[in-house]
């Protein structure tokens, strides 16, 4: 039996902690999630964003639910 070889995916930037996010849709086919930060009082900026298809969003929901339900 052969073992499945794992591929390491290098992360270009370190993980960051977002204070919040906002979600928008384009033509009901693409979802954009902006990750928000507040570097100074009264300042809110979107420091990163991702775009998801409906299938990608469903997969994200599934994985987040697994994370939430872990004990």
PDB file of N, CA and C in Angstrom:
ATOM      1  N   UNK A   1       0.842  -1.167   0.000  1.00  0.00           N
ATOM      2  CA  UNK A   1       0.000   0.000   0.000  1.00  0.00           C
ATOM      3  C   UNK A   1       0.898   1.244   0.000  1.00  0.00           C
ATOM      4  N   UNK A   2       0.612   2.190  -0.858  1.00  0.00           N
ATOM      5  CA  UNK A   2       1.428   3.401  -0.938  1.00  0.00           C
ATOM      6  C   UNK A   2       0.867   4.471  -0.007  1.00  0.00           C
ATOM      7  N   UNK A   3       1.768   5.247   0.580  1.00  0.00           N
ATOM      8  CA  UNK A   3       1.354   6.327   1.453  1.00  0.00           C
ATOM      9  C   UNK A   3       1.124   7.586   0.637  1.00  0.00           C
ATOM     10  N   UNK A   4       0.128   8.349   1.026  1.00  0.00           N
ATOM     11  CA  UNK A   4      -0.161   9.609   0.343  1.00  0.00           C
ATOM     12  C   UNK A   4       0.905  10.624   0.739  1.00  0.00           C
ATOM     13  N   UNK A   5       1.525  11.237  -0.244  1.00  0.00           N
ATOM     14  CA  UNK A   5       2.555  12.240   0.017  1.00  0.00           C
ATOM     15  C   UNK A   5       1.896  13.599   0.212  1.00  0.00           C
ATOM     16  N   UNK A   6       2.251  14.262   1.324  1.00  0.00           N
ATOM     17  CA  UNK A   6       1.691  15.583   1.602  1.00  0.00           C
ATOM     18  C   UNK A   6       2.570  16.655   0.989  1.00  0.00           C
ATOM     19  N   UNK A   7       1.936  17.710   0.509  1.00  0.00           N
ATOM     20  CA  UNK A   7       2.649  18.838  -0.063  1.00  0.00           C
ATOM     21  C   UNK A   7       2.603  19.993   0.922  1.00  0.00           C
ATOM     22  N   UNK A   8       3.760  20.560   1.218  1.00  0.00           N
ATOM     23  CA  UNK A   8       3.824  21.712   2.113  1.00  0.00           C
ATOM     24  C   UNK A   8       3.509  22.967   1.312  1.00  0.00           C
ATOM     25  N   UNK A   9       2.560  23.745   1.797  1.00  0.00           N
ATOM     26  CA  UNK A   9       2.211  25.008   1.153  1.00  0.00           C
ATOM     27  C   UNK A   9       2.790  26.125   2.006  1.00  0.00           C
ATOM     28  N   UNK A  10       3.755  26.837   1.462  1.00  0.00           N
ATOM     29  CA  UNK A  10       4.426  27.917   2.182  1.00  0.00           C
ATOM     30  C   UNK A  10       3.513  29.134   2.278  1.00  0.00           C
ATOM     31  N   UNK A  11       3.391  29.688   3.473  1.00  0.00           N
ATOM     32  CA  UNK A  11       2.594  30.898   3.690  1.00  0.00           C
ATOM     33  C   UNK A  11       3.505  32.100   3.467  1.00  0.00           C
ATOM     34  N   UNK A  12       3.114  32.977   2.554  1.00  0.00           N
ATOM     35  CA  UNK A  12       3.921  34.157   2.232  1.00  0.00           C
ATOM     36  C   UNK A  12       3.927  35.186   3.354  1.00  0.00           C
ATOM     37  N   UNK A  13       2.798  35.340   4.048  1.00  0.00           N
ATOM     38  CA  UNK A  13       2.675  36.320   5.125  1.00  0.00           C
ATOM     39  C   UNK A  13       2.278  35.606   6.409  1.00  0.00           C
ATOM     40  N   UNK A  14       2.695  36.128   7.552  1.00  0.00           N
ATOM     41  CA  UNK A  14       2.291  35.507   8.811  1.00  0.00           C
ATOM     42  C   UNK A  14       0.796  35.691   9.035  1.00  0.00           C
ATOM     43  N   UNK A  15       0.182  34.808   9.809  1.00  0.00           N
ATOM     44  CA  UNK A  15      -1.242  34.982  10.134  1.00  0.00           C
ATOM     45  C   UNK A  15      -1.442  36.287  10.896  1.00  0.00           C
ATOM     46  N   UNK A  16      -2.595  36.888  10.729  1.00  0.00           N
ATOM     47  CA  UNK A  16      -2.906  38.122  11.448  1.00  0.00           C
ATOM     48  C   UNK A  16      -4.262  37.962  12.120  1.00  0.00           C
ATOM     49  N   UNK A  17      -4.477  38.728  13.159  1.00  0.00           N
ATOM     50  CA  UNK A  17      -5.727  38.678  13.905  1.00  0.00           C
ATOM     51  C   UNK A  17      -6.582  39.873  13.508  1.00  0.00           C
ATOM     52  N   UNK A  18      -7.734  39.592  12.965  1.00  0.00           N
ATOM     53  CA  UNK A  18      -8.651  40.629  12.508  1.00  0.00           C
ATOM     54  C   UNK A  18      -9.604  41.011  13.631  1.00  0.00           C
ATOM     55  N   UNK A  19      -9.957  42.293  13.716  1.00  0.00           N
ATOM     56  CA  UNK A  19     -10.945  42.718  14.712  1.00  0.00           C
ATOM     57  C   UNK A  19     -12.373  42.521  14.193  1.00  0.00           C
ATOM     58  N   UNK A  20     -12.498  42.222  12.919  1.00  0.00           N
ATOM     59  CA  UNK A  20     -13.814  42.021  12.341  1.00  0.00           C
ATOM     60  C   UNK A  20     -13.706  41.780  10.853  1.00  0.00           C
ATOM     61  N   UNK A  21     -14.848  41.658  10.221  1.00  0.00           N
ATOM     62  CA  UNK A  21     -14.873  41.458   8.783  1.00  0.00           C
ATOM     63  C   UNK A  21     -16.178  41.996   8.215  1.00  0.00           C
ATOM     64  N   UNK A  22     -16.165  42.206   6.925  1.00  0.00           N
ATOM     65  CA  UNK A  22     -17.395  42.581   6.219  1.00  0.00           C
ATOM     66  C   UNK A  22     -17.483  41.709   4.982  1.00  0.00           C
ATOM     67  N   UNK A  23     -18.706  41.468   4.548  1.00  0.00           N
ATOM     68  CA  UNK A  23     -18.942  40.560   3.429  1.00  0.00           C
ATOM     69  C   UNK A  23     -19.751  41.279   2.363  1.00  0.00           C
ATOM     70  N   UNK A  24     -19.338  41.100   1.122  1.00  0.00           N
ATOM     71  CA  UNK A  24     -20.075  41.649  -0.011  1.00  0.00           C
ATOM     72  C   UNK A  24     -20.210  40.600  -1.092  1.00  0.00           C
ATOM     73  N   UNK A  25     -21.146  40.799  -1.990  1.00  0.00           N
ATOM     74  CA  UNK A  25     -21.365  39.851  -3.085  1.00  0.00           C
ATOM     75  C   UNK A  25     -21.256  40.560  -4.423  1.00  0.00           C
ATOM     76  N   UNK A  26     -20.756  39.814  -5.415  1.00  0.00           N
ATOM     77  CA  UNK A  26     -20.692  40.297  -6.781  1.00  0.00           C
ATOM     78  C   UNK A  26     -21.558  39.376  -7.625  1.00  0.00           C
ATOM     79  N   UNK A  27     -22.620  39.906  -8.196  1.00  0.00           N
ATOM     80  CA  UNK A  27     -23.499  39.147  -9.098  1.00  0.00           C
ATOM     81  C   UNK A  27     -23.982  37.829  -8.505  1.00  0.00           C
ATOM     82  N   UNK A  28     -24.073  37.731  -7.199  1.00  0.00           N
ATOM     83  CA  UNK A  28     -24.549  36.527  -6.504  1.00  0.00           C
ATOM     84  C   UNK A  28     -23.719  35.288  -6.812  1.00  0.00           C
ATOM     85  N   UNK A  29     -22.546  35.456  -7.432  1.00  0.00           N
ATOM     86  CA  UNK A  29     -21.689  34.320  -7.772  1.00  0.00           C
ATOM     87  C   UNK A  29     -20.387  34.319  -6.985  1.00  0.00           C
ATOM     88  N   UNK A  30     -19.965  35.487  -6.548  1.00  0.00           N
ATOM     89  CA  UNK A  30     -18.692  35.636  -5.847  1.00  0.00           C
ATOM     90  C   UNK A  30     -18.941  36.394  -4.549  1.00  0.00           C
ATOM     91  N   UNK A  31     -18.304  35.933  -3.475  1.00  0.00           N
ATOM     92  CA  UNK A  31     -18.383  36.582  -2.170  1.00  0.00           C
ATOM     93  C   UNK A  31     -17.007  37.167  -1.866  1.00  0.00           C
ATOM     94  N   UNK A  32     -16.975  38.404  -1.403  1.00  0.00           N
ATOM     95  CA  UNK A  32     -15.728  39.033  -0.991  1.00  0.00           C
ATOM     96  C   UNK A  32     -15.792  39.257   0.515  1.00  0.00           C
ATOM     97  N   UNK A  33     -14.772  38.779   1.218  1.00  0.00           N
ATOM     98  CA  UNK A  33     -14.673  38.978   2.662  1.00  0.00           C
ATOM     99  C   UNK A  33     -13.464  39.865   2.924  1.00  0.00           C
ATOM    100  N   UNK A  34     -13.717  41.050   3.473  1.00  0.00           N
ATOM    101  CA  UNK A  34     -12.655  41.969   3.883  1.00  0.00           C
ATOM    102  C   UNK A  34     -12.367  41.732   5.358  1.00  0.00           C
ATOM    103  N   UNK A  35     -11.091  41.589   5.702  1.00  0.00           N
ATOM    104  CA  UNK A  35     -10.682  41.462   7.105  1.00  0.00           C
ATOM    105  C   UNK A  35     -10.256  42.836   7.594  1.00  0.00           C
ATOM    106  N   UNK A  36     -10.811  43.247   8.731  1.00  0.00           N
ATOM    107  CA  UNK A  36     -10.681  44.620   9.198  1.00  0.00           C
ATOM    108  C   UNK A  36      -9.719  44.755  10.375  1.00  0.00           C
ATOM    109  N   UNK A  37      -9.091  45.920  10.443  1.00  0.00           N
ATOM    110  CA  UNK A  37      -8.192  46.270  11.531  1.00  0.00           C
ATOM    111  C   UNK A  37      -8.449  47.732  11.889  1.00  0.00           C
ATOM    112  N   UNK A  38      -8.097  48.092  13.103  1.00  0.00           N
ATOM    113  CA  UNK A  38      -8.222  49.474  13.547  1.00  0.00           C
ATOM    114  C   UNK A  38      -6.871  49.909  14.109  1.00  0.00           C
ATOM    115  N   UNK A  39      -5.965  50.357  13.229  1.00  0.00           N
ATOM    116  CA  UNK A  39      -4.616  50.696  13.676  1.00  0.00           C
ATOM    117  C   UNK A  39      -4.564  51.920  14.596  1.00  0.00           C
ATOM    118  N   UNK A  40      -5.512  52.821  14.455  1.00  0.00           N
ATOM    119  CA  UNK A  40      -5.583  54.017  15.300  1.00  0.00           C
ATOM    120  C   UNK A  40      -7.035  54.257  15.685  1.00  0.00           C
ATOM    121  N   UNK A  41      -7.251  54.972  16.759  1.00  0.00           N
ATOM    122  CA  UNK A  41      -8.610  55.272  17.194  1.00  0.00           C
ATOM    123  C   UNK A  41      -9.371  56.010  16.092  1.00  0.00           C
ATOM    124  N   UNK A  42     -10.543  55.528  15.781  1.00  0.00           N
ATOM    125  CA  UNK A  42     -11.367  56.152  14.754  1.00  0.00           C
ATOM    126  C   UNK A  42     -10.994  55.768  13.333  1.00  0.00           C
ATOM    127  N   UNK A  43     -10.002  54.890  13.192  1.00  0.00           N
ATOM    128  CA  UNK A  43      -9.561  54.456  11.863  1.00  0.00           C
ATOM    129  C   UNK A  43      -9.892  52.981  11.689  1.00  0.00           C
ATOM    130  N   UNK A  44     -10.550  52.653  10.607  1.00  0.00           N
ATOM    131  CA  UNK A  44     -10.875  51.268  10.286  1.00  0.00           C
ATOM    132  C   UNK A  44     -10.395  51.001   8.873  1.00  0.00           C
ATOM    133  N   UNK A  45      -9.622  49.936   8.691  1.00  0.00           N
ATOM    134  CA  UNK A  45      -9.143  49.636   7.347  1.00  0.00           C
ATOM    135  C   UNK A  45      -9.271  48.150   7.060  1.00  0.00           C
ATOM    136  N   UNK A  46      -9.467  47.836   5.793  1.00  0.00           N
ATOM    137  CA  UNK A  46      -9.476  46.450   5.331  1.00  0.00           C
ATOM    138  C   UNK A  46      -8.039  46.118   4.945  1.00  0.00           C
ATOM    139  N   UNK A  47      -7.376  45.286   5.765  1.00  0.00           N
ATOM    140  CA  UNK A  47      -5.965  45.000   5.518  1.00  0.00           C
ATOM    141  C   UNK A  47      -5.750  43.799   4.618  1.00  0.00           C
ATOM    142  N   UNK A  48      -6.802  43.015   4.407  1.00  0.00           N
ATOM    143  CA  UNK A  48      -6.702  41.846   3.547  1.00  0.00           C
ATOM    144  C   UNK A  48      -8.106  41.454   3.118  1.00  0.00           C
ATOM    145  N   UNK A  49      -8.210  40.705   2.026  1.00  0.00           N
ATOM    146  CA  UNK A  49      -9.518  40.265   1.544  1.00  0.00           C
ATOM    147  C   UNK A  49      -9.354  38.949   0.797  1.00  0.00           C
ATOM    148  N   UNK A  50     -10.434  38.180   0.778  1.00  0.00           N
ATOM    149  CA  UNK A  50     -10.474  36.957  -0.033  1.00  0.00           C
ATOM    150  C   UNK A  50     -11.753  36.968  -0.855  1.00  0.00           C
ATOM    151  N   UNK A  51     -11.716  36.273  -1.971  1.00  0.00           N
ATOM    152  CA  UNK A  51     -12.898  36.089  -2.809  1.00  0.00           C
ATOM    153  C   UNK A  51     -13.211  34.609  -2.818  1.00  0.00           C
ATOM    154  N   UNK A  52     -14.500  34.268  -2.675  1.00  0.00           N
ATOM    155  CA  UNK A  52     -14.935  32.883  -2.655  1.00  0.00           C
ATOM    156  C   UNK A  52     -16.065  32.649  -3.643  1.00  0.00           C
ATOM    157  N   UNK A  53     -16.056  31.486  -4.245  1.00  0.00           N
ATOM    158  CA  UNK A  53     -17.220  31.041  -5.008  1.00  0.00           C
ATOM    159  C   UNK A  53     -18.223  30.470  -4.013  1.00  0.00           C
ATOM    160  N   UNK A  54     -19.411  30.127  -4.471  1.00  0.00           N
ATOM    161  CA  UNK A  54     -20.401  29.523  -3.584  1.00  0.00           C
ATOM    162  C   UNK A  54     -19.885  28.193  -3.033  1.00  0.00           C
ATOM    163  N   UNK A  55     -19.221  27.400  -3.876  1.00  0.00           N
ATOM    164  CA  UNK A  55     -18.663  26.129  -3.397  1.00  0.00           C
ATOM    165  C   UNK A  55     -17.573  26.368  -2.360  1.00  0.00           C
ATOM    166  N   UNK A  56     -16.732  27.372  -2.579  1.00  0.00           N
ATOM    167  CA  UNK A  56     -15.692  27.712  -1.613  1.00  0.00           C
ATOM    168  C   UNK A  56     -16.294  28.180  -0.293  1.00  0.00           C
ATOM    169  N   UNK A  57     -17.361  28.964  -0.358  1.00  0.00           N
ATOM    170  CA  UNK A  57     -18.028  29.448   0.854  1.00  0.00           C
ATOM    171  C   UNK A  57     -18.652  28.276   1.622  1.00  0.00           C
ATOM    172  N   UNK A  58     -19.256  27.332   0.900  1.00  0.00           N
ATOM    173  CA  UNK A  58     -19.837  26.149   1.553  1.00  0.00           C
ATOM    174  C   UNK A  58     -18.751  25.339   2.253  1.00  0.00           C
ATOM    175  N   UNK A  59     -17.592  25.186   1.612  1.00  0.00           N
ATOM    176  CA  UNK A  59     -16.489  24.446   2.204  1.00  0.00           C
ATOM    177  C   UNK A  59     -15.961  25.182   3.445  1.00  0.00           C
ATOM    178  N   UNK A  60     -15.865  26.501   3.372  1.00  0.00           N
ATOM    179  CA  UNK A  60     -15.418  27.293   4.519  1.00  0.00           C
ATOM    180  C   UNK A  60     -16.378  27.127   5.689  1.00  0.00           C
ATOM    181  N   UNK A  61     -17.671  27.194   5.423  1.00  0.00           N
ATOM    182  CA  UNK A  61     -18.686  27.005   6.474  1.00  0.00           C
ATOM    183  C   UNK A  61     -18.544  25.620   7.101  1.00  0.00           C
ATOM    184  N   UNK A  62     -18.365  24.610   6.274  1.00  0.00           N
ATOM    185  CA  UNK A  62     -18.216  23.234   6.769  1.00  0.00           C
ATOM    186  C   UNK A  62     -16.999  23.122   7.692  1.00  0.00           C
ATOM    187  N   UNK A  63     -15.874  23.680   7.271  1.00  0.00           N
ATOM    188  CA  UNK A  63     -14.663  23.592   8.078  1.00  0.00           C
ATOM    189  C   UNK A  63     -14.762  24.433   9.357  1.00  0.00           C
ATOM    190  N   UNK A  64     -15.394  25.595   9.280  1.00  0.00           N
ATOM    191  CA  UNK A  64     -15.585  26.410  10.484  1.00  0.00           C
ATOM    192  C   UNK A  64     -16.517  25.717  11.474  1.00  0.00           C
ATOM    193  N   UNK A  65     -17.549  25.057  10.975  1.00  0.00           N
ATOM    194  CA  UNK A  65     -18.440  24.309  11.861  1.00  0.00           C
ATOM    195  C   UNK A  65     -17.700  23.169  12.549  1.00  0.00           C
ATOM    196  N   UNK A  66     -16.789  22.508  11.836  1.00  0.00           N
ATOM    197  CA  UNK A  66     -15.986  21.455  12.451  1.00  0.00           C
ATOM    198  C   UNK A  66     -15.105  22.050  13.548  1.00  0.00           C
ATOM    199  N   UNK A  67     -14.521  23.213  13.301  1.00  0.00           N
ATOM    200  CA  UNK A  67     -13.697  23.904  14.294  1.00  0.00           C
ATOM    201  C   UNK A  67     -14.513  24.257  15.528  1.00  0.00           C
ATOM    202  N   UNK A  68     -15.701  24.799  15.321  1.00  0.00           N
ATOM    203  CA  UNK A  68     -16.566  25.214  16.425  1.00  0.00           C
ATOM    204  C   UNK A  68     -17.039  24.023  17.245  1.00  0.00           C
ATOM    205  N   UNK A  69     -17.336  22.911  16.589  1.00  0.00           N
ATOM    206  CA  UNK A  69     -17.884  21.745  17.269  1.00  0.00           C
ATOM    207  C   UNK A  69     -16.829  20.868  17.939  1.00  0.00           C
ATOM    208  N   UNK A  70     -15.537  21.134  17.694  1.00  0.00           N
ATOM    209  CA  UNK A  70     -14.485  20.329  18.327  1.00  0.00           C
ATOM    210  C   UNK A  70     -14.512  20.546  19.834  1.00  0.00           C
ATOM    211  N   UNK A  71     -14.256  19.473  20.556  1.00  0.00           N
ATOM    212  CA  UNK A  71     -14.206  19.579  22.022  1.00  0.00           C
ATOM    213  C   UNK A  71     -12.875  19.125  22.511  1.00  0.00           C
TER     214      UNK A  71
END
